[in-house]
Amino acid sequence: MPAVRSSCNLDQAHATLQLCSNKLKTHFRKLLETDPASVEALSILTEMRRFRPWLEQWEKAFSSFLATAMPTLAQADVKKCRVLKANHLSTLILASISGVRDVDFEPFVTDFKAIVGLAAAILDAETTPDVSPKSAWDKREVTLSTVMTLADPLRVVVSCCTDPMVRSRAARLLQRIS
């Protein structure tokens, strides 16, 4: 994983989190295809847990960025920050699982609620026109689609959340973007 810089910008935050998320999802898919009692499953879980410290560093750098940049961000960039945070939370959940079968996701209910809250804020804001100046990402035609990037965190909630109300709300939001 690339080193997390203490001062970052939205592009760096997106690029590095996307890289981590893609690698972790690849490990997670392998884990699901592996015999839970095998040495390989234990090895994959160990590798997945190695992402957690990196994700914690990423969170500190991103929070620092938000503390200084949030007052001046365009609405489109605020939306991207919410998408990044939802993806960060879902990636952190995957990096924190302790087994292959019968995983206890109860400790993550607060994170699941946060993902759903962020997704709802993004999707509800899309029904109101954006009158803020265009963001730097829009000018460079960066293809970070809100709909596509919200789908993965919402799928994690739908498939893992133990709270039926949160899971149901996530499924409804997922239907809105599908």
Protein backbone atom coordinates (compact mmCIF):
# COMPACT_ATOMS: atom_id res chain seq x y z
CA MET A 1 0.00 0.00 0.00
CA PRO A 2 1.21 3.51 -0.67
CA ALA A 3 2.31 5.59 2.28
CA VAL A 4 -0.45 7.77 3.71
CA ARG A 5 0.50 11.42 3.62
CA SER A 6 -0.43 13.56 6.60
CA SER A 7 -1.57 16.27 4.21
CA CYS A 8 -3.72 15.03 1.39
CA ASN A 9 -6.19 16.31 -1.14
CA LEU A 10 -9.37 14.81 -2.53
CA ASP A 11 -7.61 13.22 -5.50
CA GLN A 12 -4.99 11.53 -3.30
CA ALA A 13 -7.61 10.36 -0.82
CA HIS A 14 -9.69 8.85 -3.61
CA ALA A 15 -6.78 7.18 -5.42
CA THR A 16 -5.25 5.60 -2.34
CA LEU A 17 -8.54 4.43 -0.85
CA GLN A 18 -9.60 2.98 -4.20
CA LEU A 19 -6.36 1.01 -4.39
CA CYS A 20 -6.79 -0.35 -0.87
CA SER A 21 -10.46 -1.13 -1.43
CA ASN A 22 -9.79 -3.03 -4.65
CA LYS A 23 -7.05 -5.12 -3.03
CA LEU A 24 -9.15 -5.87 0.02
CA LYS A 25 -12.20 -6.86 -2.06
CA THR A 26 -10.00 -9.23 -4.06
CA HIS A 27 -8.86 -10.89 -0.82
CA PHE A 28 -12.43 -11.01 0.44
CA ARG A 29 -13.65 -12.77 -2.72
CA LYS A 30 -10.83 -15.31 -2.35
CA LEU A 31 -11.79 -15.81 1.28
CA LEU A 32 -15.40 -16.60 0.36
CA GLU A 33 -14.20 -19.21 -2.14
CA THR A 34 -11.87 -20.88 0.36
CA ASP A 35 -12.58 -23.69 2.79
CA PRO A 36 -13.11 -21.90 6.15
CA ALA A 37 -11.06 -24.51 8.00
CA SER A 38 -8.07 -24.28 5.69
CA VAL A 39 -4.69 -22.73 6.29
CA GLU A 40 -5.31 -20.62 3.19
CA ALA A 41 -8.39 -19.03 4.80
CA LEU A 42 -6.37 -18.11 7.88
CA SER A 43 -3.65 -16.66 5.66
CA ILE A 44 -6.15 -14.54 3.73
CA LEU A 45 -7.74 -13.27 6.96
CA THR A 46 -4.32 -12.33 8.28
CA GLU A 47 -3.57 -10.43 5.08
CA MET A 48 -6.93 -8.65 5.23
CA ARG A 49 -6.29 -7.51 8.81
CA ARG A 50 -3.00 -5.94 7.71
CA PHE A 51 -5.08 -3.28 5.91
CA ARG A 52 -6.61 -1.99 9.14
CA PRO A 53 -3.65 0.14 10.35
CA TRP A 54 -3.33 1.66 6.88
CA LEU A 55 -7.05 2.47 6.86
CA GLU A 56 -6.75 4.09 10.28
CA GLN A 57 -3.88 6.28 9.00
CA TRP A 58 -5.95 7.14 5.93
CA GLU A 59 -8.82 8.21 8.20
CA LYS A 60 -6.56 10.54 10.19
CA ALA A 61 -5.20 12.17 7.02
CA PHE A 62 -8.69 12.48 5.50
CA SER A 63 -10.11 13.97 8.71
CA SER A 64 -7.27 16.48 8.77
CA PHE A 65 -8.01 17.39 5.14
CA LEU A 66 -11.72 17.80 5.92
CA ALA A 67 -11.04 19.98 8.96
CA THR A 68 -9.30 22.56 6.79
CA ALA A 69 -11.01 22.16 3.41
CA MET A 70 -14.67 21.55 4.28
CA PRO A 71 -15.70 25.21 4.61
CA THR A 72 -14.54 25.96 1.05
CA LEU A 73 -15.52 22.76 -0.76
CA ALA A 74 -17.99 22.88 -3.62
CA GLN A 75 -21.16 20.81 -3.16
CA ALA A 76 -19.91 18.25 -5.69
CA ASP A 77 -16.73 17.78 -3.63
CA VAL A 78 -18.73 17.44 -0.40
CA LYS A 79 -20.66 14.64 -2.11
CA LYS A 80 -17.39 12.97 -3.12
CA CYS A 81 -16.16 13.23 0.47
CA ARG A 82 -19.29 11.44 1.65
CA VAL A 83 -18.81 8.73 -0.97
CA LEU A 84 -15.20 8.29 0.13
CA LYS A 85 -16.21 8.07 3.78
CA ALA A 86 -18.88 5.44 3.04
CA ASN A 87 -16.30 3.42 1.11
CA HIS A 88 -13.76 3.86 3.90
CA LEU A 89 -16.20 2.50 6.46
CA SER A 90 -17.15 -0.53 4.37
CA THR A 91 -13.51 -1.25 3.61
CA LEU A 92 -12.63 -0.97 7.29
CA ILE A 93 -15.41 -3.44 8.13
CA LEU A 94 -13.98 -5.96 5.67
CA ALA A 95 -10.49 -5.44 7.09
CA SER A 96 -11.81 -6.14 10.59
CA ILE A 97 -13.63 -9.44 10.14
CA SER A 98 -12.28 -12.27 12.22
CA GLY A 99 -13.54 -15.36 10.46
CA VAL A 100 -15.01 -16.84 7.32
CA ARG A 101 -18.34 -18.19 8.58
CA ASP A 102 -20.61 -16.99 11.37
CA VAL A 103 -18.89 -13.61 11.56
CA ASP A 104 -20.21 -11.34 14.31
CA PHE A 105 -21.06 -8.07 12.58
CA GLU A 106 -22.87 -6.65 15.62
CA PRO A 107 -19.89 -4.40 16.56
CA PHE A 108 -20.22 -2.68 13.17
CA VAL A 109 -23.86 -1.59 13.45
CA THR A 110 -22.81 2.02 14.08
CA ASP A 111 -20.65 1.93 10.94
CA PHE A 112 -23.50 0.38 8.96
CA LYS A 113 -25.81 3.20 10.13
CA ALA A 114 -23.20 5.78 9.14
CA ILE A 115 -22.89 4.29 5.64
CA VAL A 116 -26.66 4.37 5.20
CA GLY A 117 -26.81 7.95 6.52
CA LEU A 118 -24.09 9.09 4.13
CA ALA A 119 -25.77 7.36 1.19
CA ALA A 120 -29.15 8.87 2.06
CA ALA A 121 -27.61 12.36 2.33
CA ILE A 122 -25.98 11.96 -1.08
CA LEU A 123 -29.05 10.58 -2.82
CA ASP A 124 -31.42 13.09 -1.19
CA ALA A 125 -29.11 15.95 -2.20
CA GLU A 126 -29.27 14.78 -5.82
CA THR A 127 -32.93 15.79 -5.93
CA THR A 128 -31.95 19.42 -5.27
CA PRO A 129 -30.04 21.45 -7.87
CA ASP A 130 -26.35 22.16 -7.25
CA VAL A 131 -25.68 25.88 -7.52
CA SER A 132 -22.12 25.78 -6.22
CA PRO A 133 -19.09 26.35 -8.46
CA LYS A 134 -17.93 23.27 -10.35
CA SER A 135 -15.29 21.26 -8.56
CA ALA A 136 -11.78 20.54 -9.75
CA TRP A 137 -12.78 16.92 -10.42
CA ASP A 138 -15.58 18.01 -12.77
CA LYS A 139 -13.17 20.14 -14.80
CA ARG A 140 -10.77 17.22 -15.35
CA GLU A 141 -13.52 14.74 -16.19
CA VAL A 142 -12.57 12.33 -13.43
CA THR A 143 -15.00 9.45 -13.52
CA LEU A 144 -16.00 8.98 -9.90
CA SER A 145 -19.64 8.06 -10.23
CA THR A 146 -21.64 8.60 -7.04
CA VAL A 147 -24.06 5.86 -7.99
CA MET A 148 -21.36 3.27 -8.70
CA THR A 149 -19.24 4.07 -5.69
CA LEU A 150 -22.16 4.04 -3.27
CA ALA A 151 -23.20 0.59 -4.43
CA ASP A 152 -20.33 -1.32 -2.79
CA PRO A 153 -20.75 0.15 0.71
CA LEU A 154 -24.51 -0.39 0.54
CA ARG A 155 -23.98 -4.00 -0.57
CA VAL A 156 -21.76 -4.55 2.46
CA VAL A 157 -24.56 -3.23 4.70
CA VAL A 158 -27.23 -5.35 3.00
CA SER A 159 -25.19 -8.53 3.20
CA CYS A 160 -23.61 -8.09 6.65
CA CYS A 161 -25.70 -5.82 8.89
CA THR A 162 -27.48 -7.52 11.77
CA ASP A 163 -30.00 -4.69 12.30
CA PRO A 164 -33.00 -5.44 10.04
CA MET A 165 -34.10 -1.77 9.91
CA VAL A 166 -30.67 -0.56 8.76
CA ARG A 167 -30.34 -3.45 6.32
CA SER A 168 -33.78 -2.71 4.87
CA ARG A 169 -33.02 1.00 4.45
CA ALA A 170 -29.73 0.15 2.74
CA ALA A 171 -31.58 -2.18 0.35
CA ARG A 172 -34.05 0.60 -0.53
CA LEU A 173 -31.19 3.02 -1.19
CA LEU A 174 -29.45 0.40 -3.30
CA GLN A 175 -32.63 0.00 -5.35
CA ARG A 176 -32.68 3.76 -5.97
CA ILE A 177 -29.26 3.62 -7.62
CA SER A 178 -29.70 0.33 -9.46
